[in-house]
Protein backbone atom coordinates (compact mmCIF):
# COMPACT_ATOMS: atom_id res chain seq x y z
CA ILE A 1 -10.21 -22.78 21.93
CA ASN A 2 -6.50 -22.41 22.69
CA GLN A 3 -5.67 -20.12 19.74
CA TYR A 4 -8.31 -17.58 20.75
CA LYS A 5 -6.88 -17.49 24.28
CA ILE A 6 -3.45 -16.73 22.81
CA ILE A 7 -4.88 -13.96 20.60
CA LYS A 8 -6.67 -12.39 23.59
CA LYS A 9 -3.48 -12.56 25.62
CA ILE A 10 -1.56 -10.71 22.88
CA ARG A 11 -4.28 -8.06 22.67
CA GLU A 12 -4.33 -7.50 26.41
CA THR A 13 -0.67 -6.48 26.64
CA SER A 14 0.54 -3.11 25.36
CA SER A 15 4.19 -4.16 25.37
CA SER A 16 5.56 -4.94 21.89
CA LYS A 17 8.28 -7.08 23.49
CA GLU A 18 5.69 -9.14 25.40
CA LYS A 19 3.52 -9.57 22.29
CA GLN A 20 6.56 -10.86 20.41
CA GLY A 21 7.39 -13.18 23.32
CA ILE A 22 3.88 -14.68 23.35
CA LEU A 23 4.13 -15.45 19.63
CA GLU A 24 7.63 -16.91 20.04
CA SER A 25 6.43 -19.23 22.81
CA ASN A 26 3.61 -20.46 20.52
CA LYS A 27 5.76 -20.76 17.40
CA ASN A 28 4.81 -24.42 16.89
CA ASP A 29 1.06 -23.72 16.91
CA GLU A 30 0.17 -24.34 13.24
CA LEU A 31 -3.45 -23.20 13.57
CA LEU A 32 -2.42 -19.87 15.17
CA LYS A 33 0.04 -19.42 12.30
CA LYS A 34 -2.71 -20.06 9.71
CA ILE A 35 -5.10 -17.63 11.45
CA LEU A 36 -2.54 -14.78 11.40
CA GLU A 37 -1.57 -15.54 7.80
CA PHE A 38 -5.25 -15.42 6.78
CA VAL A 39 -5.92 -12.12 8.60
CA TYR A 40 -2.77 -10.20 7.67
CA ASN A 41 -2.14 -11.23 4.05
CA PRO A 42 -2.58 -7.91 2.17
CA TYR A 43 -3.13 -9.63 -1.17
CA PHE A 44 -6.10 -11.76 -0.12
CA LYS A 45 -9.59 -10.34 0.49
CA THR A 46 -12.59 -12.27 1.81
CA GLY A 47 -15.21 -9.95 0.30
CA LEU A 48 -16.75 -9.64 3.78
CA SER A 49 -17.14 -6.57 5.96
CA SER A 50 -18.42 -6.24 9.52
CA LYS A 51 -21.73 -5.02 8.10
CA LYS A 52 -22.04 -7.89 5.60
CA ILE A 53 -21.23 -10.66 8.06
CA ASN A 54 -24.10 -9.47 10.31
CA LYS A 55 -26.62 -9.19 7.45
CA LYS A 56 -30.05 -10.63 8.23
CA LEU A 57 -30.48 -13.70 6.02
CA PRO A 58 -32.69 -16.81 6.26
CA GLN A 59 -30.87 -19.49 8.25
CA THR A 60 -29.58 -22.26 5.97
CA GLU A 61 -28.20 -25.63 7.01
CA TYR A 62 -25.08 -26.97 5.30
CA ARG A 63 -23.92 -30.56 5.49
CA LEU A 64 -20.25 -30.89 6.42
CA LEU A 65 -17.96 -33.57 7.70
CA LEU A 66 -17.39 -33.34 11.46
CA ASP A 67 -13.69 -32.45 11.11
CA GLN A 68 -14.59 -29.61 8.70
CA ALA A 69 -17.17 -28.15 11.07
CA ASN A 70 -14.66 -28.16 13.91
CA SER A 71 -11.82 -26.40 12.05
CA ILE A 72 -11.68 -22.75 11.06
CA THR A 73 -9.35 -23.73 8.21
CA TYR A 74 -12.39 -25.15 6.39
CA ILE A 75 -13.98 -21.69 6.19
CA PHE A 76 -10.61 -20.16 5.25
CA LYS A 77 -10.48 -22.50 2.25
CA TYR A 78 -14.10 -21.74 1.38
CA LEU A 79 -13.50 -17.95 1.44
CA LYS A 80 -10.38 -18.24 -0.71
CA GLU A 81 -12.59 -19.81 -3.40
CA HIS A 82 -15.74 -17.73 -2.73
CA ASN A 83 -14.70 -14.15 -1.96
CA THR A 84 -17.22 -11.97 -3.77
CA GLY A 85 -19.35 -11.31 -0.67
CA THR A 86 -22.59 -12.75 -2.09
CA ASP A 87 -25.55 -13.64 0.14
CA GLN A 88 -24.77 -17.33 -0.39
CA ASP A 89 -21.20 -16.80 0.89
CA ILE A 90 -22.45 -14.78 3.86
CA SER A 91 -25.04 -17.46 4.65
CA GLN A 92 -22.36 -20.17 4.61
CA VAL A 93 -20.13 -18.13 6.95
CA GLN A 94 -23.01 -17.33 9.32
CA TRP A 95 -23.89 -21.01 9.54
CA TYR A 96 -20.26 -21.85 10.30
CA ILE A 97 -20.04 -19.19 13.05
CA ARG A 98 -23.01 -20.79 14.84
CA ASN A 99 -20.65 -23.64 15.77
CA TYR A 100 -18.92 -21.32 18.25
CA SER A 101 -19.94 -20.26 21.72
CA GLU A 102 -21.30 -16.77 22.32
CA GLY A 103 -18.01 -15.61 23.84
CA GLU A 104 -16.00 -16.66 20.78
CA THR A 105 -18.34 -15.40 18.03
CA ASP A 106 -17.10 -11.79 17.90
CA LEU A 107 -13.48 -12.88 17.64
CA VAL A 108 -14.28 -15.35 14.83
CA LYS A 109 -16.11 -12.58 12.94
CA GLU A 110 -13.04 -10.32 13.27
CA ILE A 111 -10.86 -13.09 11.86
CA LEU A 112 -13.15 -13.86 8.90
CA THR A 113 -13.57 -10.16 7.98
CA GLN A 114 -9.80 -9.63 8.43
CA THR A 115 -10.43 -6.82 10.92
CA LEU A 116 -8.64 -8.54 13.82
CA LYS A 117 -6.26 -6.14 15.57
CA ILE A 118 -3.56 -7.47 17.92
CA GLY A 119 -1.22 -4.47 17.90
CA MET A 120 1.36 -6.18 15.67
CA THR A 121 2.49 -5.63 12.09
CA ALA A 122 3.27 -8.16 9.38
CA LYS A 123 6.95 -7.33 9.91
CA SER A 124 6.70 -8.31 13.60
CA ILE A 125 4.86 -11.56 12.83
CA ASN A 126 7.46 -12.42 10.16
CA LYS A 127 10.16 -12.26 12.84
CA VAL A 128 8.56 -15.38 14.33
CA TRP A 129 7.58 -17.12 11.05
CA LYS A 130 9.98 -15.94 8.33
CA ASP A 131 8.21 -14.69 5.17
CA LEU A 132 4.82 -15.93 6.41
CA ILE A 133 3.01 -12.77 5.37
CA PRO A 134 3.89 -10.93 2.13
CA GLU A 135 4.49 -7.27 2.93
CA PHE A 136 2.92 -4.54 0.80
CA ASP A 137 5.50 -2.24 -0.80
CA VAL A 138 5.61 0.10 -3.78
CA MET A 139 8.47 1.67 -5.76
CA LEU A 140 9.90 4.70 -3.93
CA ALA A 141 12.25 7.36 -5.29
CA GLU A 142 15.66 8.44 -4.11
CA LYS A 143 16.91 12.06 -4.30
CA TYR A 144 18.18 13.31 -7.64
CA TRP A 145 20.77 15.66 -6.12
CA GLU A 146 22.59 12.70 -4.53
CA LYS A 147 22.83 10.76 -7.84
CA ILE A 148 23.94 13.43 -10.32
CA ASP A 149 27.52 12.16 -10.58
CA LYS A 150 26.39 8.66 -11.63
CA LEU A 151 23.89 10.08 -14.13
CA GLU A 152 26.61 12.30 -15.65
CA GLN A 153 28.91 9.31 -15.90
CA ASP A 154 26.43 6.76 -17.35
CA LYS A 155 24.15 9.09 -19.39
CA PRO A 156 21.29 6.51 -19.24
CA GLU A 157 18.05 6.78 -21.17
CA ILE A 158 15.55 8.49 -18.87
CA ILE A 159 11.84 9.34 -18.79
CA ILE A 160 10.73 12.58 -17.10
CA THR A 161 7.21 13.22 -15.80
CA GLN A 162 5.61 15.77 -13.46
CA LYS A 163 6.00 15.12 -9.73
CA LEU A 164 2.50 15.05 -8.28
CA ASP A 165 1.93 16.05 -4.68
CA GLY A 166 -1.08 13.88 -3.86
CA MET A 167 -1.94 10.71 -1.96
CA ARG A 168 -0.08 7.69 -3.30
CA MET A 169 -2.30 4.74 -4.19
CA ALA A 170 -1.71 1.35 -5.78
CA CYS A 171 -4.78 -0.46 -7.08
CA ILE A 172 -4.48 -4.23 -7.47
CA LYS A 173 -7.11 -5.44 -9.96
CA ASN A 174 -7.59 -9.20 -10.04
CA GLY A 175 -10.74 -10.20 -11.91
CA ASN A 176 -13.67 -8.41 -10.30
CA ILE A 177 -11.76 -7.75 -7.08
CA LEU A 178 -10.19 -4.32 -6.50
CA ASP A 179 -7.75 -3.77 -3.66
CA MET A 180 -6.79 -0.10 -3.27
CA ARG A 181 -3.98 0.76 -0.84
CA SER A 182 -1.88 3.71 0.26
CA ARG A 183 1.92 3.45 0.13
CA ASN A 184 1.82 2.21 3.74
CA GLY A 185 -0.61 -0.59 2.85
CA GLN A 186 -3.72 1.03 4.37
CA GLN A 187 -6.89 0.20 2.44
CA ILE A 188 -8.63 3.07 0.63
CA THR A 189 -12.37 2.73 0.12
CA GLY A 190 -15.33 4.79 -1.11
CA LEU A 191 -13.79 5.99 -4.41
CA ILE A 192 -16.85 4.84 -6.34
CA GLU A 193 -16.09 6.69 -9.59
CA ILE A 194 -12.56 5.29 -9.80
CA GLU A 195 -13.75 1.80 -8.80
CA GLU A 196 -16.36 1.76 -11.57
CA GLU A 197 -13.79 2.76 -14.21
CA MET A 198 -11.10 0.37 -12.88
CA ARG A 199 -13.43 -2.54 -13.67
CA LYS A 200 -13.16 -1.66 -17.39
CA LEU A 201 -9.37 -2.04 -17.34
CA PRO A 202 -7.22 -5.17 -17.67
CA ASP A 203 -5.94 -6.96 -14.56
CA GLY A 204 -2.73 -5.71 -13.00
CA VAL A 205 -1.33 -3.24 -10.49
CA TYR A 206 -1.91 0.46 -11.19
CA ASP A 207 0.40 2.83 -9.31
CA GLY A 208 -0.26 6.56 -9.05
CA GLU A 209 -1.40 9.58 -7.04
CA LEU A 210 -4.88 10.61 -5.98
CA LEU A 211 -5.72 14.30 -6.43
CA LEU A 212 -8.98 16.19 -6.25
CA ASN A 213 -10.15 17.58 -9.58
CA LEU A 214 -9.67 21.19 -8.47
CA SER A 215 -7.47 24.09 -9.61
CA LEU A 216 -5.57 24.91 -6.42
CA PRO A 217 -1.91 25.58 -5.51
CA SER A 218 0.03 22.33 -4.99
CA LYS A 219 0.20 22.39 -1.17
CA GLU A 220 -3.44 23.40 -0.75
CA LEU A 221 -4.57 20.70 -3.20
CA PHE A 222 -2.50 18.10 -1.31
CA THR A 223 -4.10 18.99 2.05
CA LYS A 224 -7.63 19.03 0.65
CA THR A 225 -7.10 15.71 -1.17
CA LEU A 226 -5.85 13.96 1.98
CA SER A 227 -8.77 15.16 4.11
CA THR A 228 -11.25 14.02 1.42
CA VAL A 229 -9.75 10.57 0.79
CA ARG A 230 -9.27 9.81 4.50
CA ALA A 231 -12.88 10.70 5.38
CA ASP A 232 -15.44 7.94 5.88
CA GLY A 233 -18.08 7.16 3.27
CA ILE A 234 -18.29 7.79 -0.47
CA LYS A 235 -15.81 10.19 -2.10
CA THR A 236 -16.32 11.80 -5.52
CA GLY A 237 -14.37 14.23 -7.67
CA VAL A 238 -11.05 12.44 -7.10
CA ILE A 239 -8.72 11.67 -10.03
CA PHE A 240 -6.36 8.67 -10.02
CA ASN A 241 -3.24 9.92 -11.84
CA VAL A 242 -1.48 6.70 -12.87
CA PHE A 243 2.24 6.71 -13.70
CA ASP A 244 3.09 2.99 -13.62
CA TYR A 245 1.47 -0.34 -14.45
CA VAL A 246 2.51 -3.90 -13.65
CA SER A 247 0.46 -6.27 -15.82
CA SER A 248 1.11 -9.38 -13.66
CA VAL A 249 -0.42 -9.36 -10.17
CA ASP A 250 1.52 -12.51 -9.26
CA GLY A 251 4.73 -10.93 -10.58
CA PHE A 252 4.10 -7.81 -8.49
CA ILE A 253 3.47 -9.83 -5.32
CA ALA A 254 6.54 -12.02 -5.86
CA GLY A 255 8.71 -9.08 -6.98
CA THR A 256 9.66 -10.92 -10.17
CA PHE A 257 8.16 -8.59 -12.81
CA ASN A 258 11.06 -7.41 -15.01
CA GLU A 259 9.39 -5.44 -17.80
CA SER A 260 11.18 -2.11 -18.43
CA CYS A 261 9.78 1.24 -17.33
CA LYS A 262 9.50 2.53 -20.91
CA LYS A 263 7.45 -0.51 -21.94
CA ARG A 264 5.24 -0.26 -18.82
CA LYS A 265 4.52 3.42 -19.49
CA MET A 266 3.86 2.80 -23.19
CA ASN A 267 1.37 0.01 -22.40
CA LEU A 268 -0.34 2.13 -19.75
CA GLY A 269 -0.62 5.19 -22.00
CA ASN A 270 -2.04 3.19 -24.90
CA MET A 271 -4.53 1.43 -22.66
CA LEU A 272 -5.91 4.65 -21.15
CA LYS A 273 -6.19 6.22 -24.63
CA GLU A 274 -8.40 3.35 -25.80
CA ILE A 275 -10.64 3.02 -22.70
CA HIS A 276 -12.64 6.06 -21.61
CA CYS A 277 -11.94 6.68 -17.92
CA PRO A 278 -12.54 10.33 -16.93
CA HIS A 279 -11.41 9.68 -13.32
CA ILE A 280 -8.26 7.73 -14.25
CA SER A 281 -5.57 9.79 -15.95
CA PHE A 282 -2.19 8.83 -17.45
CA VAL A 283 0.66 11.03 -16.21
CA PRO A 284 2.19 12.20 -19.54
CA VAL A 285 5.87 11.90 -20.43
CA GLN A 286 7.60 15.32 -20.69
CA TYR A 287 10.92 14.00 -21.99
CA GLN A 288 12.37 10.66 -23.08
CA GLY A 289 15.99 10.39 -24.13
CA HIS A 290 19.50 10.28 -22.70
CA TYR A 291 20.23 12.15 -19.48
CA ASP A 292 20.99 15.85 -19.94
CA SER A 293 21.33 18.05 -16.85
CA LYS A 294 20.19 21.14 -18.78
CA ILE A 295 16.92 19.46 -19.77
CA VAL A 296 16.36 18.42 -16.12
CA ASP A 297 17.07 21.98 -14.90
CA ASP A 298 14.78 23.54 -17.53
CA LEU A 299 11.89 21.17 -16.76
CA LEU A 300 12.31 21.75 -13.02
CA LYS A 301 12.22 25.54 -13.52
CA ASN A 302 9.10 25.16 -15.65
CA ALA A 303 7.42 23.02 -12.95
CA ILE A 304 8.23 25.61 -10.27
CA SER A 305 6.88 28.44 -12.47
CA LEU A 306 3.59 26.49 -12.72
CA ASP A 307 3.49 26.06 -8.91
CA GLN A 308 4.14 22.32 -9.24
CA GLU A 309 6.22 20.36 -6.74
CA GLY A 310 8.89 19.20 -9.18
CA ILE A 311 9.64 16.39 -11.65
CA MET A 312 10.38 12.66 -11.57
CA ILE A 313 13.16 10.88 -13.45
CA ASN A 314 12.74 7.18 -14.31
CA ILE A 315 15.57 5.05 -15.69
CA ALA A 316 13.93 3.84 -18.91
CA ASP A 317 15.25 0.25 -18.86
CA ALA A 318 14.67 -0.38 -15.13
CA PRO A 319 12.12 -2.93 -13.84
CA TYR A 320 9.51 -2.18 -11.16
CA SER A 321 11.14 -2.59 -7.72
CA LYS A 322 9.11 -2.74 -4.51
CA LYS A 323 11.60 -0.64 -2.53
CA ARG A 324 13.34 2.72 -2.48
CA THR A 325 15.61 2.73 -5.52
CA ALA A 326 17.82 4.97 -7.68
CA ASP A 327 15.87 3.69 -10.71
CA ILE A 328 13.44 6.51 -9.95
CA LEU A 329 14.55 9.94 -8.71
CA LYS A 330 12.60 12.89 -7.32
CA VAL A 331 13.71 16.37 -8.33
CA LYS A 332 12.55 19.27 -6.19
CA GLN A 333 13.91 22.76 -5.64
CA MET A 334 16.41 22.74 -2.78
CA TYR A 335 16.52 25.59 -0.26
CA THR A 336 19.53 26.30 1.98
CA MET A 337 19.99 28.45 5.07
CA ASP A 338 22.62 29.18 7.70
CA LEU A 339 21.67 28.39 11.31
CA LYS A 340 23.56 28.88 14.58
CA VAL A 341 24.54 25.64 16.34
CA THR A 342 23.60 25.90 20.03
CA GLY A 343 24.58 22.43 21.23
CA VAL A 344 25.48 18.84 20.38
CA PHE A 345 24.44 15.41 21.69
CA GLU A 346 26.02 11.96 21.73
CA GLY A 347 24.78 9.07 19.62
CA LYS A 348 23.17 5.92 21.04
CA GLY A 349 23.79 2.21 20.53
CA LYS A 350 26.37 1.61 17.81
CA TYR A 351 26.80 5.41 17.57
CA LYS A 352 27.86 5.75 21.23
CA ASN A 353 30.98 7.92 21.61
CA CYS A 354 30.11 9.54 18.26
CA LEU A 355 28.26 12.73 17.42
CA GLY A 356 24.53 11.94 17.46
CA GLY A 357 23.35 15.30 16.18
CA VAL A 358 23.30 19.04 16.70
CA TYR A 359 20.81 21.53 18.13
CA VAL A 360 20.26 24.67 16.05
CA ASP A 361 18.38 27.90 16.63
CA TYR A 362 15.64 28.65 14.09
CA LYS A 363 13.72 31.86 14.72
CA GLY A 364 14.05 31.42 18.48
CA ASN A 365 13.16 27.70 18.40
CA SER A 366 15.63 24.91 19.22
């Protein structure tokens, strides 16, 4: 089939420019477009894994129209309506795969389990088909020290919480389906205790930090948490510290959810008080009121004395934005030092004929 030849061709080249060129030259291929949209959409899950799709089940025959049997879009539609990974769904998919030749079967399985790798990102694919694949983003903070003047001028209502040094995770709960992702969109699996408790909670997007339930200094806890969460298999003893909640999954995906931060935090706090979830914790508010630099300084000093990384400032009336924004600010202790400049280098591209940067000496290292 022509589309599989194109996919293999993309996989066989290591050049990003060539991969992009192959897609560009096949821009009018609607089926290729649908295949990539199906595989790369971060908000759609088939409920199938490589292990499930190869499960030994009795062979079942399904009656289909000839045009359905010959098009992979039929099974795409089926999986969008039946994505819980039941034996019946697996059986239907296995029957469909038998329509393909032995050489094509593995590739079809990769497509249907959304494990197909072609060495391209959603951003690269969207350069060919604009906005084809929704990109996964979460709200990211800017630096407090760069925004003090505006805060002093506006004196907005703010909410201060502890800055947690863990592994960022957003959990999208839609019915019985849980989709847990890091800030870079990588799926996080095996957190069985958190998964079980998430099923008790209302639908929505829960944003927070993963941390092991251990009493360790901040940096040591961060390192140990990352190694645990990134390991294969089942992970226990991890706490999901949630600091934000978007009640509309569709609103989160579309970026159209405008509920204020103070209302989101209030709803989240009330919800987690009512539903017993020992592995899901609400990050408590330390201060809510108009901006006061003394309060910020005092809370930062207190965080440092407790060996915490710092504090976070949220603008109380701000909506959830899926980007880096001044509506949320990170406050950490700043350290300065004087270093000897040993050389300079010129900028590149639009910075040609300008200073690109400087080399400094730090303890004998350049």
